C-alpha atoms as a PDB file:
ATOM      1  CA  MET A   1      67.687 115.347 -98.735  1.00  0.00           C
ATOM      2  CA  CYS A   2      65.526 113.174-100.863  1.00  0.00           C
ATOM      3  CA  THR A   3      62.841 110.613-100.267  1.00  0.00           C
ATOM      4  CA  PRO A   4      62.591 108.074-101.731  1.00  0.00           C
ATOM      5  CA  PRO A   5      66.356 107.794-102.290  1.00  0.00           C
ATOM      6  CA  LEU A   6      67.561 108.761-105.928  1.00  0.00           C
ATOM      7  CA  HIS A   7      69.876 106.552-107.890  1.00  0.00           C
ATOM      8  CA  ARG A   8      71.254 106.382-111.457  1.00  0.00           C
ATOM      9  CA  SER A   9      69.467 104.420-114.054  1.00  0.00           C
ATOM     10  CA  THR A  10      72.695 102.349-114.406  1.00  0.00           C
ATOM     11  CA  GLY A  11      72.463 101.321-110.791  1.00  0.00           C
ATOM     12  CA  VAL A  12      75.839 102.871-109.964  1.00  0.00           C
ATOM     13  CA  ALA A  13      75.763 104.765-106.592  1.00  0.00           C
ATOM     14  CA  ILE A  14      75.827 108.516-106.604  1.00  0.00           C
ATOM     15  CA  PRO A  15      78.869 109.707-104.715  1.00  0.00           C
ATOM     16  CA  ALA A  16      78.258 111.328-101.265  1.00  0.00           C
ATOM     17  CA  THR A  17      74.668 110.141-100.836  1.00  0.00           C
ATOM     18  CA  GLU A  18      75.312 106.976 -98.654  1.00  0.00           C
ATOM     19  CA  ALA A  19      74.029 108.590 -95.442  1.00  0.00           C
ATOM     20  CA  LYS A  20      70.504 108.126 -94.643  1.00  0.00           C
ATOM     21  CA  GLN A  21      68.391 109.825 -91.951  1.00  0.00           C
ATOM     22  CA  LEU A  22      64.894 109.082 -90.602  1.00  0.00           C
ATOM     23  CA  ILE A  23      62.573 112.146 -90.390  1.00  0.00           C
ATOM     24  CA  ARG A  24      59.103 111.476 -88.942  1.00  0.00           C
ATOM     25  CA  GLY A  25      59.533 107.776 -89.729  1.00  0.00           C
ATOM     26  CA  LEU A  26      60.581 108.336 -93.427  1.00  0.00           C
ATOM     27  CA  PRO A  27      64.036 107.439 -94.705  1.00  0.00           C
ATOM     28  CA  PHE A  28      65.801 110.415 -96.318  1.00  0.00           C
ATOM     29  CA  GLN A  29      68.866 110.163 -98.518  1.00  0.00           C
ATOM     30  CA  ARG A  30      71.384 112.853 -97.517  1.00  0.00           C
ATOM     31  CA  TRP A  31      73.374 114.633-100.170  1.00  0.00           C
ATOM     32  CA  SER A  32      76.723 116.479 -99.596  1.00  0.00           C
ATOM     33  CA  ARG A  33      77.558 118.988-102.265  1.00  0.00           C
ATOM     34  CA  HIS A  34      79.933 121.968-101.748  1.00  0.00           C
ATOM     35  CA  ARG A  35      81.373 124.643-103.897  1.00  0.00           C
ATOM     36  CA  GLY A  36      85.025 124.053-104.727  1.00  0.00           C
ATOM     37  CA  ALA A  37      88.178 126.074-104.966  1.00  0.00           C
ATOM     38  CA  ILE A  38      87.367 126.795-108.773  1.00  0.00           C
ATOM     39  CA  ALA A  39      84.058 128.424-107.846  1.00  0.00           C
ATOM     40  CA  PRO A  40      84.007 129.332-104.106  1.00  0.00           C
ATOM     41  CA  ARG A  41      81.062 130.948-102.585  1.00  0.00           C
ATOM     42  CA  ASN A  42      80.929 134.715-103.058  1.00  0.00           C
ATOM     43  CA  PRO A  43      78.753 136.438-100.412  1.00  0.00           C
ATOM     44  CA  ARG A  44      78.366 139.441-102.691  1.00  0.00           C
ATOM     45  CA  ARG A  45      77.046 137.302-105.476  1.00  0.00           C
ATOM     46  CA  ASP A  46      75.666 134.092-103.989  1.00  0.00           C
ATOM     47  CA  ASN A  47      72.267 133.575-102.248  1.00  0.00           C
ATOM     48  CA  VAL A  48      69.693 130.950-101.950  1.00  0.00           C
ATOM     49  CA  VAL A  49      68.640 131.267-105.705  1.00  0.00           C
ATOM     50  CA  THR A  50      72.337 130.681-106.789  1.00  0.00           C
ATOM     51  CA  HIS A  51      72.626 127.745-104.385  1.00  0.00           C
ATOM     52  CA  LEU A  52      69.368 126.137-105.555  1.00  0.00           C
ATOM     53  CA  ALA A  53      70.763 126.445-109.161  1.00  0.00           C
ATOM     54  CA  LEU A  54      73.842 124.543-107.872  1.00  0.00           C
ATOM     55  CA  VAL A  55      71.571 121.915-106.440  1.00  0.00           C
ATOM     56  CA  GLU A  56      69.470 121.694-109.532  1.00  0.00           C
ATOM     57  CA  SER A  57      72.681 121.373-111.732  1.00  0.00           C
ATOM     58  CA  ALA A  58      73.949 118.496-109.497  1.00  0.00           C
ATOM     59  CA  LEU A  59      70.700 116.649-109.701  1.00  0.00           C
ATOM     60  CA  LEU A  60      70.534 116.777-113.484  1.00  0.00           C
ATOM     61  CA  LYS A  61      74.151 115.796-113.855  1.00  0.00           C
ATOM     62  CA  GLU A  62      74.250 113.037-111.315  1.00  0.00           C
ATOM     63  CA  VAL A  63      70.784 111.459-111.521  1.00  0.00           C
ATOM     64  CA  GLY A  64      70.588 111.877-115.187  1.00  0.00           C
ATOM     65  CA  GLU A  65      73.774 109.762-115.794  1.00  0.00           C
END
């Protein structure tokens, strides 16, 4: 979740970020990102560090566009 909501510099909406949620009166933008069939979650390899790397990669790719 992000506040204030993020958007691309082009003004084009970022997919799967349309939902908003109020937390303590602040509007947060909800993001939905999941591992796909190409790179499914591996409980022997994946942990909070690898998940945060996935989040960082999505932010750089999608907000940076």
